[in-house]
């Protein structure tokens, strides 16, 4: 879903699921940033979905790196 026009379109409540997902991912995302990149802060990747997996996936079979 494209969330960028939600707030300017006076539909801020429609963006809440995105903000909730980001809050829920920050703990796992900081572990991924530390372990995979040696960085502070947090990260999650394009494969993030309903199950809130922040780690990167590699290969066609979807194996974790």
C-alpha atoms as a PDB file:
ATOM      1  CA  UNK A   1       0.000   0.000   0.000  1.00  0.00           C
ATOM      2  CA  UNK A   2       1.139   3.530  -0.688  1.00  0.00           C
ATOM      3  CA  UNK A   3       0.911   5.456   2.602  1.00  0.00           C
ATOM      4  CA  UNK A   4       2.430   8.807   1.641  1.00  0.00           C
ATOM      5  CA  UNK A   5      -0.860  10.633   0.831  1.00  0.00           C
ATOM      6  CA  UNK A   6      -2.693   9.418   3.960  1.00  0.00           C
ATOM      7  CA  UNK A   7      -1.935  12.381   6.201  1.00  0.00           C
ATOM      8  CA  UNK A   8      -2.146  15.119   3.572  1.00  0.00           C
ATOM      9  CA  UNK A   9      -5.455  13.619   2.486  1.00  0.00           C
ATOM     10  CA  UNK A  10      -6.789  13.948   6.067  1.00  0.00           C
ATOM     11  CA  UNK A  11      -6.768  10.154   6.501  1.00  0.00           C
ATOM     12  CA  UNK A  12      -4.082   9.866   9.187  1.00  0.00           C
ATOM     13  CA  UNK A  13      -5.836   6.898  10.815  1.00  0.00           C
ATOM     14  CA  UNK A  14      -5.124   4.879   7.659  1.00  0.00           C
ATOM     15  CA  UNK A  15      -1.372   5.211   8.250  1.00  0.00           C
ATOM     16  CA  UNK A  16      -1.572   3.871  11.829  1.00  0.00           C
ATOM     17  CA  UNK A  17      -1.001   0.206  10.799  1.00  0.00           C
ATOM     18  CA  UNK A  18       2.270   1.246   9.136  1.00  0.00           C
ATOM     19  CA  UNK A  19       3.419   3.185  12.206  1.00  0.00           C
ATOM     20  CA  UNK A  20       2.458   0.276  14.481  1.00  0.00           C
ATOM     21  CA  UNK A  21       4.467  -2.142  12.309  1.00  0.00           C
ATOM     22  CA  UNK A  22       7.499   0.149  12.478  1.00  0.00           C
ATOM     23  CA  UNK A  23       7.244   0.325  16.290  1.00  0.00           C
ATOM     24  CA  UNK A  24       6.931  -3.475  16.488  1.00  0.00           C
ATOM     25  CA  UNK A  25       9.989  -3.974  14.268  1.00  0.00           C
ATOM     26  CA  UNK A  26      12.423  -1.676  16.053  1.00  0.00           C
ATOM     27  CA  UNK A  27      13.633  -4.255  18.644  1.00  0.00           C
ATOM     28  CA  UNK A  28      14.323  -6.956  16.072  1.00  0.00           C
ATOM     29  CA  UNK A  29      15.546  -4.340  13.607  1.00  0.00           C
ATOM     30  CA  UNK A  30      18.207  -3.081  16.021  1.00  0.00           C
ATOM     31  CA  UNK A  31      19.480  -6.627  16.495  1.00  0.00           C
ATOM     32  CA  UNK A  32      19.628  -7.095  12.700  1.00  0.00           C
ATOM     33  CA  UNK A  33      21.482  -3.777  12.250  1.00  0.00           C
ATOM     34  CA  UNK A  34      24.022  -4.744  14.910  1.00  0.00           C
ATOM     35  CA  UNK A  35      24.575  -8.343  13.715  1.00  0.00           C
ATOM     36  CA  UNK A  36      24.508  -7.793   9.933  1.00  0.00           C
ATOM     37  CA  UNK A  37      25.955  -4.305   9.572  1.00  0.00           C
ATOM     38  CA  UNK A  38      27.740  -3.510  12.845  1.00  0.00           C
ATOM     39  CA  UNK A  39      25.566  -0.416  13.070  1.00  0.00           C
ATOM     40  CA  UNK A  40      23.509   1.320  15.703  1.00  0.00           C
ATOM     41  CA  UNK A  41      19.894   2.198  15.064  1.00  0.00           C
ATOM     42  CA  UNK A  42      17.557  -0.237  13.336  1.00  0.00           C
ATOM     43  CA  UNK A  43      16.847  -1.661   9.900  1.00  0.00           C
ATOM     44  CA  UNK A  44      14.319  -3.837   8.155  1.00  0.00           C
ATOM     45  CA  UNK A  45      14.235  -5.019   4.587  1.00  0.00           C
ATOM     46  CA  UNK A  46      11.933  -5.314   1.573  1.00  0.00           C
ATOM     47  CA  UNK A  47      10.819  -8.785   2.675  1.00  0.00           C
ATOM     48  CA  UNK A  48       9.199  -7.479   5.885  1.00  0.00           C
ATOM     49  CA  UNK A  49       5.626  -8.736   6.080  1.00  0.00           C
ATOM     50  CA  UNK A  50       2.814  -9.691   8.413  1.00  0.00           C
ATOM     51  CA  UNK A  51       5.188 -11.819  10.540  1.00  0.00           C
ATOM     52  CA  UNK A  52       7.476  -8.829  11.217  1.00  0.00           C
ATOM     53  CA  UNK A  53      10.727 -10.438  10.058  1.00  0.00           C
ATOM     54  CA  UNK A  54      13.400  -7.738   9.874  1.00  0.00           C
ATOM     55  CA  UNK A  55      16.317  -9.909   8.685  1.00  0.00           C
ATOM     56  CA  UNK A  56      17.392  -9.902   5.037  1.00  0.00           C
ATOM     57  CA  UNK A  57      16.602 -12.919   2.853  1.00  0.00           C
ATOM     58  CA  UNK A  58      18.831 -14.200   0.097  1.00  0.00           C
ATOM     59  CA  UNK A  59      18.501 -16.486  -2.871  1.00  0.00           C
ATOM     60  CA  UNK A  60      15.460 -17.822  -4.691  1.00  0.00           C
ATOM     61  CA  UNK A  61      14.645 -20.337  -1.958  1.00  0.00           C
ATOM     62  CA  UNK A  62      14.299 -17.532   0.581  1.00  0.00           C
ATOM     63  CA  UNK A  63      17.101 -18.680   2.881  1.00  0.00           C
ATOM     64  CA  UNK A  64      18.199 -16.310   5.581  1.00  0.00           C
ATOM     65  CA  UNK A  65      21.628 -14.799   5.270  1.00  0.00           C
END
